[in-house]
């Protein structure tokens, strides 16, 4: 029961889903540098305005609609991130509940993990 509540509210994807992977910042950065990623930032607009990963599309969790999610082109991966890795779990669960059939990658540690691993960010 507790694990189901935990999954419903956030940080872990739906159990048994083979289409969801949590990926470390170094891997996502390599994909990003190679132009092989569609990066979705589910933080709120003010958070995104203060600091962001260049090229990330901001779709705040507070207004998140799976229908607004862009489908990655062939050869690109969908990566969802937030501040620390919790809200992207909620967005992932919303996508899965809506029948999303494309593989989903979650950035481990969010933008905090990205920056700690040396990933560049844009401020302001």
PDB file of N, CA and C in Angstrom:
ATOM      1  N   UNK A   1       0.822  -1.199   0.000  1.00  0.00           N
ATOM      2  CA  UNK A   1       0.000   0.000   0.000  1.00  0.00           C
ATOM      3  C   UNK A   1       0.865   1.261   0.000  1.00  0.00           C
ATOM      4  N   UNK A   2       1.833   1.328   0.903  1.00  0.00           N
ATOM      5  CA  UNK A   2       2.690   2.509   0.953  1.00  0.00           C
ATOM      6  C   UNK A   2       3.460   2.703  -0.338  1.00  0.00           C
ATOM      7  N   UNK A   3       3.941   1.616  -0.937  1.00  0.00           N
ATOM      8  CA  UNK A   3       4.689   1.764  -2.184  1.00  0.00           C
ATOM      9  C   UNK A   3       3.799   2.300  -3.297  1.00  0.00           C
ATOM     10  N   UNK A   4       2.516   1.901  -3.311  1.00  0.00           N
ATOM     11  CA  UNK A   4       1.606   2.439  -4.326  1.00  0.00           C
ATOM     12  C   UNK A   4       1.376   3.924  -4.122  1.00  0.00           C
ATOM     13  N   UNK A   5       1.228   4.361  -2.879  1.00  0.00           N
ATOM     14  CA  UNK A   5       1.072   5.788  -2.605  1.00  0.00           C
ATOM     15  C   UNK A   5       2.326   6.545  -2.999  1.00  0.00           C
ATOM     16  N   UNK A   6       3.479   5.993  -2.662  1.00  0.00           N
ATOM     17  CA  UNK A   6       4.748   6.624  -3.015  1.00  0.00           C
ATOM     18  C   UNK A   6       4.848   6.798  -4.523  1.00  0.00           C
ATOM     19  N   UNK A   7       4.522   5.749  -5.286  1.00  0.00           N
ATOM     20  CA  UNK A   7       4.586   5.825  -6.737  1.00  0.00           C
ATOM     21  C   UNK A   7       3.590   6.826  -7.301  1.00  0.00           C
ATOM     22  N   UNK A   8       2.415   6.901  -6.721  1.00  0.00           N
ATOM     23  CA  UNK A   8       1.399   7.820  -7.232  1.00  0.00           C
ATOM     24  C   UNK A   8       1.818   9.267  -7.081  1.00  0.00           C
ATOM     25  N   UNK A   9       2.586   9.561  -6.059  1.00  0.00           N
ATOM     26  CA  UNK A   9       2.945  10.950  -5.809  1.00  0.00           C
ATOM     27  C   UNK A   9       4.357  11.302  -6.206  1.00  0.00           C
ATOM     28  N   UNK A  10       5.031  10.385  -6.877  1.00  0.00           N
ATOM     29  CA  UNK A  10       6.206  10.966  -7.370  1.00  0.00           C
ATOM     30  C   UNK A  10       7.462  10.337  -7.774  1.00  0.00           C
ATOM     31  N   UNK A  11       8.319   9.964  -6.898  1.00  0.00           N
ATOM     32  CA  UNK A  11       9.694   9.847  -7.330  1.00  0.00           C
ATOM     33  C   UNK A  11      10.030   8.576  -8.076  1.00  0.00           C
ATOM     34  N   UNK A  12       9.212   7.584  -8.050  1.00  0.00           N
ATOM     35  CA  UNK A  12       9.544   6.356  -8.759  1.00  0.00           C
ATOM     36  C   UNK A  12       8.517   6.080  -9.847  1.00  0.00           C
ATOM     37  N   UNK A  13       8.990   5.605 -11.013  1.00  0.00           N
ATOM     38  CA  UNK A  13       8.055   5.289 -12.088  1.00  0.00           C
ATOM     39  C   UNK A  13       7.209   4.077 -11.735  1.00  0.00           C
ATOM     40  N   UNK A  14       6.159   3.889 -12.489  1.00  0.00           N
ATOM     41  CA  UNK A  14       5.273   2.762 -12.285  1.00  0.00           C
ATOM     42  C   UNK A  14       6.072   1.465 -12.297  1.00  0.00           C
ATOM     43  N   UNK A  15       5.924   0.630 -11.258  1.00  0.00           N
ATOM     44  CA  UNK A  15       6.679  -0.618 -11.198  1.00  0.00           C
ATOM     45  C   UNK A  15       6.402  -1.497 -12.410  1.00  0.00           C
ATOM     46  N   UNK A  16       7.428  -2.187 -12.872  1.00  0.00           N
ATOM     47  CA  UNK A  16       7.272  -3.106 -13.985  1.00  0.00           C
ATOM     48  C   UNK A  16       7.299  -2.441 -15.343  1.00  0.00           C
ATOM     49  N   UNK A  17       7.486  -1.147 -15.395  1.00  0.00           N
ATOM     50  CA  UNK A  17       7.522  -0.470 -16.677  1.00  0.00           C
ATOM     51  C   UNK A  17       8.919  -0.592 -17.276  1.00  0.00           C
ATOM     52  N   UNK A  18       9.010  -1.296 -18.394  1.00  0.00           N
ATOM     53  CA  UNK A  18      10.294  -1.464 -19.068  1.00  0.00           C
ATOM     54  C   UNK A  18      10.667  -0.237 -19.885  1.00  0.00           C
ATOM     55  N   UNK A  19       9.732   0.659 -20.064  1.00  0.00           N
ATOM     56  CA  UNK A  19      10.023   1.796 -20.922  1.00  0.00           C
ATOM     57  C   UNK A  19      10.591   2.991 -20.164  1.00  0.00           C
ATOM     58  N   UNK A  20      10.824   2.866 -18.858  1.00  0.00           N
ATOM     59  CA  UNK A  20      11.349   3.975 -18.057  1.00  0.00           C
ATOM     60  C   UNK A  20      12.718   3.605 -17.505  1.00  0.00           C
ATOM     61  N   UNK A  21      13.685   4.502 -17.705  1.00  0.00           N
ATOM     62  CA  UNK A  21      15.019   4.316 -17.148  1.00  0.00           C
ATOM     63  C   UNK A  21      15.455   5.591 -16.452  1.00  0.00           C
ATOM     64  N   UNK A  22      16.107   5.443 -15.303  1.00  0.00           N
ATOM     65  CA  UNK A  22      16.754   6.568 -14.634  1.00  0.00           C
ATOM     66  C   UNK A  22      18.198   6.564 -15.122  1.00  0.00           C
ATOM     67  N   UNK A  23      18.640   7.697 -15.668  1.00  0.00           N
ATOM     68  CA  UNK A  23      19.939   7.775 -16.326  1.00  0.00           C
ATOM     69  C   UNK A  23      20.796   8.836 -15.646  1.00  0.00           C
ATOM     70  N   UNK A  24      22.085   8.546 -15.479  1.00  0.00           N
ATOM     71  CA  UNK A  24      22.981   9.488 -14.808  1.00  0.00           C
ATOM     72  C   UNK A  24      23.299  10.687 -15.698  1.00  0.00           C
ATOM     73  N   UNK A  25      23.777  11.743 -15.060  1.00  0.00           N
ATOM     74  CA  UNK A  25      24.040  13.008 -15.749  1.00  0.00           C
ATOM     75  C   UNK A  25      25.096  12.868 -16.841  1.00  0.00           C
ATOM     76  N   UNK A  26      26.118  12.059 -16.621  1.00  0.00           N
ATOM     77  CA  UNK A  26      27.172  11.896 -17.628  1.00  0.00           C
ATOM     78  C   UNK A  26      26.606  11.313 -18.921  1.00  0.00           C
ATOM     79  N   UNK A  27      25.710  10.350 -18.802  1.00  0.00           N
ATOM     80  CA  UNK A  27      25.092   9.741 -19.980  1.00  0.00           C
ATOM     81  C   UNK A  27      24.201  10.741 -20.700  1.00  0.00           C
ATOM     82  N   UNK A  28      23.368  11.444 -19.943  1.00  0.00           N
ATOM     83  CA  UNK A  28      22.476  12.438 -20.559  1.00  0.00           C
ATOM     84  C   UNK A  28      23.297  13.544 -21.216  1.00  0.00           C
ATOM     85  N   UNK A  29      24.380  13.950 -20.571  1.00  0.00           N
ATOM     86  CA  UNK A  29      25.230  15.000 -21.152  1.00  0.00           C
ATOM     87  C   UNK A  29      25.828  14.539 -22.483  1.00  0.00           C
ATOM     88  N   UNK A  30      26.262  13.301 -22.569  1.00  0.00           N
ATOM     89  CA  UNK A  30      26.805  12.777 -23.827  1.00  0.00           C
ATOM     90  C   UNK A  30      25.736  12.797 -24.916  1.00  0.00           C
ATOM     91  N   UNK A  31      24.516  12.382 -24.574  1.00  0.00           N
ATOM     92  CA  UNK A  31      23.420  12.437 -25.541  1.00  0.00           C
ATOM     93  C   UNK A  31      23.145  13.878 -25.944  1.00  0.00           C
ATOM     94  N   UNK A  32      23.140  14.784 -24.963  1.00  0.00           N
ATOM     95  CA  UNK A  32      22.854  16.206 -25.189  1.00  0.00           C
ATOM     96  C   UNK A  32      23.900  16.808 -26.126  1.00  0.00           C
ATOM     97  N   UNK A  33      25.166  16.515 -25.859  1.00  0.00           N
ATOM     98  CA  UNK A  33      26.241  17.050 -26.696  1.00  0.00           C
ATOM     99  C   UNK A  33      26.171  16.515 -28.122  1.00  0.00           C
ATOM    100  N   UNK A  34      25.686  15.297 -28.290  1.00  0.00           N
ATOM    101  CA  UNK A  34      25.567  14.684 -29.611  1.00  0.00           C
ATOM    102  C   UNK A  34      24.264  15.062 -30.316  1.00  0.00           C
ATOM    103  N   UNK A  35      23.415  15.855 -29.649  1.00  0.00           N
ATOM    104  CA  UNK A  35      22.137  16.242 -30.241  1.00  0.00           C
ATOM    105  C   UNK A  35      21.146  15.099 -30.319  1.00  0.00           C
ATOM    106  N   UNK A  36      21.258  14.151 -29.393  1.00  0.00           N
ATOM    107  CA  UNK A  36      20.429  12.949 -29.419  1.00  0.00           C
ATOM    108  C   UNK A  36      19.350  12.940 -28.347  1.00  0.00           C
ATOM    109  N   UNK A  37      18.939  14.111 -27.883  1.00  0.00           N
ATOM    110  CA  UNK A  37      18.010  14.141 -26.765  1.00  0.00           C
ATOM    111  C   UNK A  37      16.962  15.238 -26.945  1.00  0.00           C
ATOM    112  N   UNK A  38      15.743  14.935 -26.520  1.00  0.00           N
ATOM    113  CA  UNK A  38      14.708  15.943 -26.307  1.00  0.00           C
ATOM    114  C   UNK A  38      14.592  16.037 -24.792  1.00  0.00           C
ATOM    115  N   UNK A  39      14.991  17.175 -24.251  1.00  0.00           N
ATOM    116  CA  UNK A  39      15.068  17.356 -22.806  1.00  0.00           C
ATOM    117  C   UNK A  39      13.872  18.168 -22.330  1.00  0.00           C
ATOM    118  N   UNK A  40      13.116  17.601 -21.396  1.00  0.00           N
ATOM    119  CA  UNK A  40      11.921  18.241 -20.850  1.00  0.00           C
ATOM    120  C   UNK A  40      12.175  18.597 -19.393  1.00  0.00           C
ATOM    121  N   UNK A  41      11.985  19.864 -19.060  1.00  0.00           N
ATOM    122  CA  UNK A  41      12.159  20.385 -17.700  1.00  0.00           C
ATOM    123  C   UNK A  41      10.772  20.579 -17.099  1.00  0.00           C
ATOM    124  N   UNK A  42      10.439  19.799 -16.056  1.00  0.00           N
ATOM    125  CA  UNK A  42       9.109  19.905 -15.458  1.00  0.00           C
ATOM    126  C   UNK A  42       9.089  20.809 -14.223  1.00  0.00           C
ATOM    127  N   UNK A  43      10.166  21.575 -14.009  1.00  0.00           N
ATOM    128  CA  UNK A  43      10.162  22.550 -12.913  1.00  0.00           C
ATOM    129  C   UNK A  43       9.250  23.715 -13.298  1.00  0.00           C
ATOM    130  N   UNK A  44       8.921  24.513 -12.316  1.00  0.00           N
ATOM    131  CA  UNK A  44       8.051  25.666 -12.569  1.00  0.00           C
ATOM    132  C   UNK A  44       8.799  26.736 -13.373  1.00  0.00           C
ATOM    133  N   UNK A  45       8.032  27.616 -13.997  1.00  0.00           N
ATOM    134  CA  UNK A  45       8.613  28.622 -14.896  1.00  0.00           C
ATOM    135  C   UNK A  45       9.657  29.504 -14.203  1.00  0.00           C
ATOM    136  N   UNK A  46       9.413  29.889 -12.950  1.00  0.00           N
ATOM    137  CA  UNK A  46      10.384  30.734 -12.255  1.00  0.00           C
ATOM    138  C   UNK A  46      11.694  29.988 -12.006  1.00  0.00           C
ATOM    139  N   UNK A  47      11.617  28.700 -11.718  1.00  0.00           N
ATOM    140  CA  UNK A  47      12.828  27.896 -11.536  1.00  0.00           C
ATOM    141  C   UNK A  47      13.603  27.803 -12.847  1.00  0.00           C
ATOM    142  N   UNK A  48      12.885  27.574 -13.931  1.00  0.00           N
ATOM    143  CA  UNK A  48      13.502  27.473 -15.243  1.00  0.00           C
ATOM    144  C   UNK A  48      14.135  28.797 -15.648  1.00  0.00           C
ATOM    145  N   UNK A  49      13.469  29.903 -15.329  1.00  0.00           N
ATOM    146  CA  UNK A  49      14.004  31.219 -15.676  1.00  0.00           C
ATOM    147  C   UNK A  49      15.292  31.520 -14.912  1.00  0.00           C
ATOM    148  N   UNK A  50      15.398  31.025 -13.692  1.00  0.00           N
ATOM    149  CA  UNK A  50      16.584  31.285 -12.870  1.00  0.00           C
ATOM    150  C   UNK A  50      17.792  30.482 -13.352  1.00  0.00           C
ATOM    151  N   UNK A  51      17.566  29.238 -13.748  1.00  0.00           N
ATOM    152  CA  UNK A  51      18.658  28.375 -14.220  1.00  0.00           C
ATOM    153  C   UNK A  51      18.062  27.228 -15.012  1.00  0.00           C
ATOM    154  N   UNK A  52      18.691  26.911 -16.137  1.00  0.00           N
ATOM    155  CA  UNK A  52      18.159  25.856 -16.998  1.00  0.00           C
ATOM    156  C   UNK A  52      19.280  25.206 -17.801  1.00  0.00           C
ATOM    157  N   UNK A  53      18.952  24.059 -18.345  1.00  0.00           N
ATOM    158  CA  UNK A  53      19.845  23.382 -19.278  1.00  0.00           C
ATOM    159  C   UNK A  53      19.477  23.887 -20.666  1.00  0.00           C
ATOM    160  N   UNK A  54      20.471  24.363 -21.392  1.00  0.00           N
ATOM    161  CA  UNK A  54      20.223  24.933 -22.711  1.00  0.00           C
ATOM    162  C   UNK A  54      19.491  23.933 -23.607  1.00  0.00           C
ATOM    163  N   UNK A  55      18.433  24.426 -24.239  1.00  0.00           N
ATOM    164  CA  UNK A  55      17.661  23.609 -25.164  1.00  0.00           C
ATOM    165  C   UNK A  55      16.517  22.833 -24.539  1.00  0.00           C
ATOM    166  N   UNK A  56      16.445  22.813 -23.206  1.00  0.00           N
ATOM    167  CA  UNK A  56      15.365  22.080 -22.541  1.00  0.00           C
ATOM    168  C   UNK A  56      14.030  22.789 -22.766  1.00  0.00           C
ATOM    169  N   UNK A  57      12.984  22.009 -22.936  1.00  0.00           N
ATOM    170  CA  UNK A  57      11.628  22.529 -23.099  1.00  0.00           C
ATOM    171  C   UNK A  57      10.967  22.524 -21.730  1.00  0.00           C
ATOM    172  N   UNK A  58      10.435  23.670 -21.311  1.00  0.00           N
ATOM    173  CA  UNK A  58       9.821  23.783 -19.987  1.00  0.00           C
ATOM    174  C   UNK A  58       8.329  23.468 -20.064  1.00  0.00           C
ATOM    175  N   UNK A  59       7.940  22.356 -19.426  1.00  0.00           N
ATOM    176  CA  UNK A  59       6.538  21.954 -19.287  1.00  0.00           C
ATOM    177  C   UNK A  59       6.297  21.719 -17.803  1.00  0.00           C
ATOM    178  N   UNK A  60       5.951  22.783 -17.045  1.00  0.00           N
ATOM    179  CA  UNK A  60       5.833  22.671 -15.585  1.00  0.00           C
ATOM    180  C   UNK A  60       4.860  21.580 -15.142  1.00  0.00           C
ATOM    181  N   UNK A  61       5.253  20.875 -14.095  1.00  0.00           N
ATOM    182  CA  UNK A  61       4.413  19.805 -13.572  1.00  0.00           C
ATOM    183  C   UNK A  61       3.046  20.327 -13.133  1.00  0.00           C
ATOM    184  N   UNK A  62       2.981  21.556 -12.621  1.00  0.00           N
ATOM    185  CA  UNK A  62       1.709  22.101 -12.124  1.00  0.00           C
ATOM    186  C   UNK A  62       0.649  22.216 -13.220  1.00  0.00           C
ATOM    187  N   UNK A  63       1.082  22.297 -14.467  1.00  0.00           N
ATOM    188  CA  UNK A  63       0.145  22.393 -15.589  1.00  0.00           C
ATOM    189  C   UNK A  63       0.412  21.294 -16.621  1.00  0.00           C
ATOM    190  N   UNK A  64       1.100  20.256 -16.217  1.00  0.00           N
ATOM    191  CA  UNK A  64       1.566  19.215 -17.136  1.00  0.00           C
ATOM    192  C   UNK A  64       0.401  18.500 -17.803  1.00  0.00           C
ATOM    193  N   UNK A  65       0.479  18.423 -19.121  1.00  0.00           N
ATOM    194  CA  UNK A  65      -0.519  17.719 -19.917  1.00  0.00           C
ATOM    195  C   UNK A  65       0.229  16.794 -20.875  1.00  0.00           C
ATOM    196  N   UNK A  66       0.068  15.483 -20.747  1.00  0.00           N
ATOM    197  CA  UNK A  66       0.779  14.565 -21.642  1.00  0.00           C
ATOM    198  C   UNK A  66       0.575  14.866 -23.125  1.00  0.00           C
ATOM    199  N   UNK A  67      -0.555  15.464 -23.478  1.00  0.00           N
ATOM    200  CA  UNK A  67      -0.812  15.792 -24.882  1.00  0.00           C
ATOM    201  C   UNK A  67       0.148  16.855 -25.407  1.00  0.00           C
ATOM    202  N   UNK A  68       0.754  17.641 -24.514  1.00  0.00           N
ATOM    203  CA  UNK A  68       1.702  18.679 -24.921  1.00  0.00           C
ATOM    204  C   UNK A  68       3.120  18.150 -25.121  1.00  0.00           C
ATOM    205  N   UNK A  69       3.356  16.909 -24.742  1.00  0.00           N
ATOM    206  CA  UNK A  69       4.698  16.341 -24.796  1.00  0.00           C
ATOM    207  C   UNK A  69       5.123  16.099 -26.239  1.00  0.00           C
ATOM    208  N   UNK A  70       6.256  16.670 -26.648  1.00  0.00           N
ATOM    209  CA  UNK A  70       6.726  16.416 -28.013  1.00  0.00           C
ATOM    210  C   UNK A  70       7.239  14.987 -28.156  1.00  0.00           C
ATOM    211  N   UNK A  71       6.992  14.398 -29.293  1.00  0.00           N
ATOM    212  CA  UNK A  71       7.515  13.056 -29.586  1.00  0.00           C
ATOM    213  C   UNK A  71       8.916  13.219 -30.177  1.00  0.00           C
ATOM    214  N   UNK A  72       9.894  12.506 -29.628  1.00  0.00           N
ATOM    215  CA  UNK A  72      11.253  12.626 -30.167  1.00  0.00           C
ATOM    216  C   UNK A  72      11.340  12.075 -31.591  1.00  0.00           C
ATOM    217  N   UNK A  73      12.151  12.733 -32.408  1.00  0.00           N
ATOM    218  CA  UNK A  73      12.427  12.225 -33.745  1.00  0.00           C
ATOM    219  C   UNK A  73      13.223  10.929 -33.635  1.00  0.00           C
ATOM    220  N   UNK A  74      13.250  10.186 -34.716  1.00  0.00           N
ATOM    221  CA  UNK A  74      14.035   8.945 -34.776  1.00  0.00           C
ATOM    222  C   UNK A  74      15.481   9.227 -34.359  1.00  0.00           C
ATOM    223  N   UNK A  75      16.014   8.382 -33.510  1.00  0.00           N
ATOM    224  CA  UNK A  75      17.397   8.535 -33.068  1.00  0.00           C
ATOM    225  C   UNK A  75      17.588   9.454 -31.876  1.00  0.00           C
ATOM    226  N   UNK A  76      16.497  10.050 -31.384  1.00  0.00           N
ATOM    227  CA  UNK A  76      16.584  10.917 -30.203  1.00  0.00           C
ATOM    228  C   UNK A  76      15.869  10.263 -29.032  1.00  0.00           C
ATOM    229  N   UNK A  77      16.345  10.598 -27.844  1.00  0.00           N
ATOM    230  CA  UNK A  77      15.766  10.052 -26.614  1.00  0.00           C
ATOM    231  C   UNK A  77      15.015  11.148 -25.870  1.00  0.00           C
ATOM    232  N   UNK A  78      13.939  10.761 -25.217  1.00  0.00           N
ATOM    233  CA  UNK A  78      13.191  11.678 -24.367  1.00  0.00           C
ATOM    234  C   UNK A  78      13.761  11.591 -22.957  1.00  0.00           C
ATOM    235  N   UNK A  79      14.202  12.731 -22.422  1.00  0.00           N
ATOM    236  CA  UNK A  79      14.714  12.791 -21.052  1.00  0.00           C
ATOM    237  C   UNK A  79      13.927  13.851 -20.300  1.00  0.00           C
ATOM    238  N   UNK A  80      13.390  13.463 -19.146  1.00  0.00           N
ATOM    239  CA  UNK A  80      12.642  14.386 -18.296  1.00  0.00           C
ATOM    240  C   UNK A  80      13.495  14.709 -17.081  1.00  0.00           C
ATOM    241  N   UNK A  81      13.523  16.002 -16.715  1.00  0.00           N
ATOM    242  CA  UNK A  81      14.260  16.373 -15.505  1.00  0.00           C
ATOM    243  C   UNK A  81      13.484  17.401 -14.705  1.00  0.00           C
ATOM    244  N   UNK A  82      13.874  17.508 -13.443  1.00  0.00           N
ATOM    245  CA  UNK A  82      13.320  18.512 -12.535  1.00  0.00           C
ATOM    246  C   UNK A  82      14.486  19.052 -11.707  1.00  0.00           C
ATOM    247  N   UNK A  83      14.237  19.448 -10.492  1.00  0.00           N
ATOM    248  CA  UNK A  83      15.310  19.988  -9.652  1.00  0.00           C
ATOM    249  C   UNK A  83      16.209  18.878  -9.120  1.00  0.00           C
ATOM    250  N   UNK A  84      15.579  17.849  -8.513  1.00  0.00           N
ATOM    251  CA  UNK A  84      16.381  16.815  -7.858  1.00  0.00           C
ATOM    252  C   UNK A  84      16.012  15.391  -8.265  1.00  0.00           C
ATOM    253  N   UNK A  85      14.979  15.220  -9.055  1.00  0.00           N
ATOM    254  CA  UNK A  85      14.606  13.894  -9.526  1.00  0.00           C
ATOM    255  C   UNK A  85      13.268  13.382  -9.049  1.00  0.00           C
ATOM    256  N   UNK A  86      12.527  14.169  -8.284  1.00  0.00           N
ATOM    257  CA  UNK A  86      11.240  13.712  -7.755  1.00  0.00           C
ATOM    258  C   UNK A  86      10.094  14.046  -8.710  1.00  0.00           C
ATOM    259  N   UNK A  87       9.963  15.304  -9.085  1.00  0.00           N
ATOM    260  CA  UNK A  87       8.833  15.708  -9.940  1.00  0.00           C
ATOM    261  C   UNK A  87       8.846  15.020 -11.300  1.00  0.00           C
ATOM    262  N   UNK A  88      10.026  14.697 -11.801  1.00  0.00           N
ATOM    263  CA  UNK A  88      10.054  14.001 -13.092  1.00  0.00           C
ATOM    264  C   UNK A  88       9.421  12.613 -12.974  1.00  0.00           C
ATOM    265  N   UNK A  89       9.420  12.033 -11.766  1.00  0.00           N
ATOM    266  CA  UNK A  89       8.712  10.771 -11.541  1.00  0.00           C
ATOM    267  C   UNK A  89       7.215  10.946 -11.681  1.00  0.00           C
ATOM    268  N   UNK A  90       6.697  12.049 -11.162  1.00  0.00           N
ATOM    269  CA  UNK A  90       5.265  12.334 -11.300  1.00  0.00           C
ATOM    270  C   UNK A  90       4.892  12.540 -12.759  1.00  0.00           C
ATOM    271  N   UNK A  91       5.713  13.289 -13.495  1.00  0.00           N
ATOM    272  CA  UNK A  91       5.446  13.516 -14.916  1.00  0.00           C
ATOM    273  C   UNK A  91       5.498  12.202 -15.691  1.00  0.00           C
ATOM    274  N   UNK A  92       6.454  11.361 -15.354  1.00  0.00           N
ATOM    275  CA  UNK A  92       6.568  10.051 -15.995  1.00  0.00           C
ATOM    276  C   UNK A  92       5.308   9.226 -15.754  1.00  0.00           C
ATOM    277  N   UNK A  93       4.837   9.213 -14.522  1.00  0.00           N
ATOM    278  CA  UNK A  93       3.619   8.461 -14.206  1.00  0.00           C
ATOM    279  C   UNK A  93       2.412   9.001 -14.958  1.00  0.00           C
ATOM    280  N   UNK A  94       2.330  10.313 -15.133  1.00  0.00           N
ATOM    281  CA  UNK A  94       1.235  10.901 -15.915  1.00  0.00           C
ATOM    282  C   UNK A  94       1.314  10.455 -17.374  1.00  0.00           C
ATOM    283  N   UNK A  95       2.525  10.432 -17.926  1.00  0.00           N
ATOM    284  CA  UNK A  95       2.692   9.970 -19.305  1.00  0.00           C
ATOM    285  C   UNK A  95       2.279   8.507 -19.451  1.00  0.00           C
ATOM    286  N   UNK A  96       2.730   7.677 -18.523  1.00  0.00           N
ATOM    287  CA  UNK A  96       2.379   6.254 -18.584  1.00  0.00           C
ATOM    288  C   UNK A  96       0.875   6.046 -18.453  1.00  0.00           C
ATOM    289  N   UNK A  97       0.237   6.792 -17.559  1.00  0.00           N
ATOM    290  CA  UNK A  97      -1.213   6.679 -17.371  1.00  0.00           C
ATOM    291  C   UNK A  97      -1.975   7.105 -18.621  1.00  0.00           C
ATOM    292  N   UNK A  98      -1.379   8.021 -19.397  1.00  0.00           N
ATOM    293  CA  UNK A  98      -2.014   8.495 -20.626  1.00  0.00           C
ATOM    294  C   UNK A  98      -1.722   7.576 -21.817  1.00  0.00           C
ATOM    295  N   UNK A  99      -0.968   6.496 -21.573  1.00  0.00           N
ATOM    296  CA  UNK A  99      -0.692   5.549 -22.643  1.00  0.00           C
ATOM    297  C   UNK A  99       0.549   5.849 -23.459  1.00  0.00           C
ATOM    298  N   UNK A 100       1.444   6.683 -22.933  1.00  0.00           N
ATOM    299  CA  UNK A 100       2.685   7.017 -23.643  1.00  0.00           C
ATOM    300  C   UNK A 100       3.424   5.726 -23.978  1.00  0.00           C
ATOM    301  N   UNK A 101       3.856   5.592 -25.234  1.00  0.00           N
ATOM    302  CA  UNK A 101       4.488   4.343 -25.657  1.00  0.00           C
ATOM    303  C   UNK A 101       5.944   4.498 -26.088  1.00  0.00           C
ATOM    304  N   UNK A 102       6.492   5.675 -25.941  1.00  0.00           N
ATOM    305  CA  UNK A 102       7.887   5.948 -26.283  1.00  0.00           C
ATOM    306  C   UNK A 102       8.742   5.785 -25.031  1.00  0.00           C
ATOM    307  N   UNK A 103       9.959   5.236 -25.138  1.00  0.00           N
ATOM    308  CA  UNK A 103      10.821   5.127 -23.955  1.00  0.00           C
ATOM    309  C   UNK A 103      11.034   6.480 -23.276  1.00  0.00           C
ATOM    310  N   UNK A 104      11.055   6.457 -21.952  1.00  0.00           N
ATOM    311  CA  UNK A 104      11.226   7.661 -21.136  1.00  0.00           C
ATOM    312  C   UNK A 104      12.481   7.487 -20.294  1.00  0.00           C
ATOM    313  N   UNK A 105      13.313   8.520 -20.293  1.00  0.00           N
ATOM    314  CA  UNK A 105      14.505   8.536 -19.452  1.00  0.00           C
ATOM    315  C   UNK A 105      14.350   9.668 -18.446  1.00  0.00           C
ATOM    316  N   UNK A 106      14.707   9.375 -17.201  1.00  0.00           N
ATOM    317  CA  UNK A 106      14.674  10.391 -16.143  1.00  0.00           C
ATOM    318  C   UNK A 106      16.105  10.727 -15.757  1.00  0.00           C
ATOM    319  N   UNK A 107      16.407  12.023 -15.679  1.00  0.00           N
ATOM    320  CA  UNK A 107      17.740  12.472 -15.284  1.00  0.00           C
ATOM    321  C   UNK A 107      17.918  12.281 -13.787  1.00  0.00           C
ATOM    322  N   UNK A 108      18.789  11.369 -13.403  1.00  0.00           N
ATOM    323  CA  UNK A 108      19.051  11.090 -11.988  1.00  0.00           C
ATOM    324  C   UNK A 108      19.607  12.345 -11.316  1.00  0.00           C
ATOM    325  N   UNK A 109      18.959  12.755 -10.225  1.00  0.00           N
ATOM    326  CA  UNK A 109      19.410  13.923  -9.475  1.00  0.00           C
ATOM    327  C   UNK A 109      18.971  15.252 -10.055  1.00  0.00           C
ATOM    328  N   UNK A 110      18.228  15.230 -11.164  1.00  0.00           N
ATOM    329  CA  UNK A 110      17.711  16.456 -11.760  1.00  0.00           C
ATOM    330  C   UNK A 110      18.808  17.434 -12.156  1.00  0.00           C
ATOM    331  N   UNK A 111      18.451  18.713 -12.214  1.00  0.00           N
ATOM    332  CA  UNK A 111      19.418  19.734 -12.610  1.00  0.00           C
ATOM    333  C   UNK A 111      20.527  19.873 -11.562  1.00  0.00           C
ATOM    334  N   UNK A 112      20.232  19.522 -10.310  1.00  0.00           N
ATOM    335  CA  UNK A 112      21.273  19.540  -9.275  1.00  0.00           C
ATOM    336  C   UNK A 112      22.342  18.497  -9.615  1.00  0.00           C
ATOM    337  N   UNK A 113      21.923  17.298  -9.969  1.00  0.00           N
ATOM    338  CA  UNK A 113      22.862  16.253 -10.358  1.00  0.00           C
ATOM    339  C   UNK A 113      23.620  16.601 -11.626  1.00  0.00           C
ATOM    340  N   UNK A 114      22.917  17.226 -12.567  1.00  0.00           N
ATOM    341  CA  UNK A 114      23.528  17.666 -13.822  1.00  0.00           C
ATOM    342  C   UNK A 114      24.659  18.652 -13.531  1.00  0.00           C
ATOM    343  N   UNK A 115      24.375  19.688 -12.752  1.00  0.00           N
ATOM    344  CA  UNK A 115      25.386  20.707 -12.437  1.00  0.00           C
ATOM    345  C   UNK A 115      26.533  20.116 -11.616  1.00  0.00           C
ATOM    346  N   UNK A 116      26.221  19.239 -10.669  1.00  0.00           N
ATOM    347  CA  UNK A 116      27.261  18.617  -9.841  1.00  0.00           C
ATOM    348  C   UNK A 116      28.212  17.764 -10.680  1.00  0.00           C
ATOM    349  N   UNK A 117      27.714  17.216 -11.785  1.00  0.00           N
ATOM    350  CA  UNK A 117      28.538  16.400 -12.674  1.00  0.00           C
ATOM    351  C   UNK A 117      29.254  17.245 -13.727  1.00  0.00           C
ATOM    352  N   UNK A 118      29.147  18.570 -13.607  1.00  0.00           N
ATOM    353  CA  UNK A 118      29.830  19.463 -14.539  1.00  0.00           C
ATOM    354  C   UNK A 118      29.022  19.856 -15.754  1.00  0.00           C
ATOM    355  N   UNK A 119      27.737  19.499 -15.770  1.00  0.00           N
ATOM    356  CA  UNK A 119      26.884  19.882 -16.892  1.00  0.00           C
ATOM    357  C   UNK A 119      26.648  21.384 -16.892  1.00  0.00           C
ATOM    358  N   UNK A 120      26.748  22.022 -18.051  1.00  0.00           N
ATOM    359  CA  UNK A 120      26.558  23.472 -18.107  1.00  0.00           C
ATOM    360  C   UNK A 120      25.095  23.871 -17.958  1.00  0.00           C
ATOM    361  N   UNK A 121      24.881  25.021 -17.351  1.00  0.00           N
ATOM    362  CA  UNK A 121      23.539  25.588 -17.230  1.00  0.00           C
ATOM    363  C   UNK A 121      23.570  27.040 -17.667  1.00  0.00           C
ATOM    364  N   UNK A 122      22.398  27.542 -17.998  1.00  0.00           N
ATOM    365  CA  UNK A 122      22.216  28.946 -18.349  1.00  0.00           C
ATOM    366  C   UNK A 122      21.493  29.595 -17.189  1.00  0.00           C
ATOM    367  N   UNK A 123      22.013  30.707 -16.705  1.00  0.00           N
ATOM    368  CA  UNK A 123      21.380  31.428 -15.593  1.00  0.00           C
ATOM    369  C   UNK A 123      20.741  32.712 -16.104  1.00  0.00           C
ATOM    370  N   UNK A 124      19.554  32.997 -15.502  1.00  0.00           N
ATOM    371  CA  UNK A 124      18.875  34.257 -15.803  1.00  0.00           C
ATOM    372  C   UNK A 124      18.183  34.327 -17.110  1.00  0.00           C
TER     373      UNK A 124
END
